[in-house]
Protein backbone atom coordinates (compact mmCIF):
# COMPACT_ATOMS: atom_id res chain seq x y z
CA GLN A 1 108.29 97.29 104.05
CA VAL A 2 105.05 98.07 102.25
CA GLN A 3 102.85 95.64 100.41
CA LEU A 4 99.89 96.63 98.26
CA VAL A 5 97.22 94.10 97.36
CA GLU A 6 94.51 94.99 94.85
CA SER A 7 91.17 93.28 94.51
CA GLY A 8 87.83 93.81 92.85
CA GLY A 9 88.70 93.45 89.19
CA GLY A 10 86.71 91.31 86.83
CA LEU A 11 84.62 91.15 83.70
CA VAL A 12 81.80 93.63 83.27
CA GLN A 13 79.63 94.80 80.41
CA ALA A 14 79.96 98.28 78.99
CA GLY A 15 78.04 100.73 81.13
CA GLY A 16 78.58 98.65 84.24
CA SER A 17 80.41 99.39 87.46
CA LEU A 18 83.24 97.94 89.50
CA ARG A 19 84.91 98.90 92.74
CA LEU A 20 88.60 98.24 93.12
CA SER A 21 90.20 98.01 96.53
CA CYS A 22 93.82 98.23 97.58
CA ALA A 23 94.98 97.06 100.99
CA ALA A 24 98.28 98.48 102.18
CA SER A 25 100.49 97.03 104.85
CA GLY A 26 103.13 99.00 106.68
CA SER A 27 103.08 102.16 108.73
CA ILE A 28 103.40 104.91 106.12
CA PHE A 29 99.97 104.74 104.50
CA SER A 30 98.67 107.85 106.28
CA ILE A 31 101.57 109.96 104.98
CA ALA A 32 101.47 108.63 101.45
CA VAL A 33 99.92 109.81 98.25
CA MET A 34 97.92 106.89 96.87
CA GLY A 35 97.19 106.36 93.23
CA TRP A 36 95.59 104.06 90.73
CA TYR A 37 97.30 103.45 87.42
CA ARG A 38 96.39 101.22 84.53
CA GLN A 39 98.15 99.50 81.69
CA ALA A 40 96.46 98.13 78.61
CA PRO A 41 98.18 95.65 76.29
CA GLY A 42 100.76 97.38 74.13
CA ARG A 43 100.41 100.65 75.97
CA GLN A 44 102.34 102.46 78.67
CA ARG A 45 101.15 102.53 82.24
CA GLU A 46 99.11 105.68 82.87
CA LEU A 47 97.75 107.51 85.86
CA VAL A 48 94.04 107.07 86.47
CA ALA A 49 93.53 108.90 89.76
CA ARG A 50 95.46 110.08 92.79
CA ILE A 51 94.52 111.08 96.32
CA THR A 52 96.74 112.98 98.73
CA THR A 53 97.06 112.77 102.48
CA GLY A 54 94.73 115.76 102.66
CA TYR A 55 92.16 113.94 100.52
CA SER A 56 92.72 116.14 97.48
CA THR A 57 92.11 114.22 94.31
CA ASN A 58 93.02 114.46 90.68
CA TYR A 59 91.89 112.39 87.75
CA ALA A 60 92.94 111.64 84.24
CA ASP A 61 90.68 113.38 81.76
CA PHE A 62 89.46 110.09 80.37
CA VAL A 63 87.87 109.08 83.71
CA LYS A 64 86.60 112.39 85.04
CA GLY A 65 83.00 112.13 86.07
CA ARG A 66 83.03 108.34 85.90
CA PHE A 67 85.60 107.21 88.49
CA THR A 68 86.02 108.20 92.13
CA ILE A 69 89.08 107.57 94.28
CA SER A 70 88.82 107.46 98.05
CA ARG A 71 90.89 106.35 100.99
CA ASP A 72 90.32 105.13 104.53
CA ASN A 73 93.34 105.81 106.70
CA THR A 74 91.85 103.84 109.58
CA LYS A 75 91.92 100.70 107.45
CA ASN A 76 94.93 101.44 105.23
CA MET A 77 92.67 101.12 102.20
CA VAL A 78 92.27 103.00 98.96
CA TYR A 79 89.38 102.49 96.58
CA LEU A 80 88.52 103.21 92.99
CA GLN A 81 84.81 103.28 92.23
CA MET A 82 84.29 102.98 88.50
CA TYR A 83 81.00 103.77 86.78
CA SER A 84 79.93 103.85 83.15
CA LEU A 85 82.75 101.56 82.16
CA LYS A 86 83.81 101.47 78.54
CA PRO A 87 85.67 98.80 76.56
CA GLU A 88 88.65 101.16 76.41
CA ASP A 89 88.87 100.98 80.21
CA THR A 90 90.04 97.40 79.85
CA ALA A 91 93.46 97.15 81.48
CA VAL A 92 95.38 95.89 84.45
CA TYR A 93 94.86 98.36 87.28
CA TYR A 94 97.66 98.95 89.74
CA CYS A 95 97.70 100.53 93.16
CA ASN A 96 100.60 102.89 93.85
CA LEU A 97 102.04 104.41 97.01
CA GLN A 98 104.36 107.39 97.10
CA ALA A 99 105.72 108.95 100.28
CA LEU A 100 108.37 111.63 100.51
CA GLY A 101 111.80 110.12 101.05
CA ARG A 102 110.54 106.59 100.64
CA PRO A 103 110.67 104.11 97.75
CA GLU A 104 107.69 103.96 95.45
CA TYR A 105 105.53 100.85 95.80
CA TRP A 106 103.26 99.00 93.40
CA GLY A 107 100.70 96.29 93.80
CA GLN A 108 100.57 93.23 91.59
CA GLY A 109 97.60 94.55 89.62
CA THR A 110 94.05 93.48 89.04
CA GLN A 111 92.52 92.85 85.63
CA VAL A 112 89.49 94.83 84.52
CA THR A 113 87.82 93.71 81.33
CA VAL A 114 84.90 95.61 79.86
CA SER A 115 82.95 93.87 77.12
CA SER A 116 81.02 95.73 74.46
């Protein structure tokens, strides 16, 4: 069984920074692709960034150059460093784990609110 717990959300002014963290329990973290998704009110959940087991990353166009995803397999942690935040980044951010042949897992989400 895998549990994902996000932290680090909050209220920040436009142009500010936040660092989200996701702690994963279970034994499959090192073989899993980890991702951050977000969902704003009235909108569908969308991919923000993803990092593979080989540390390859990909980002949604709307965060390229502003957000950085990283992982620490020794601590079962994945991070999302967010810079130059904009009001349109306001959303609930979710941690996601995908491993071949395993169920997909989601965290409970952490709220990020960017004020103008």
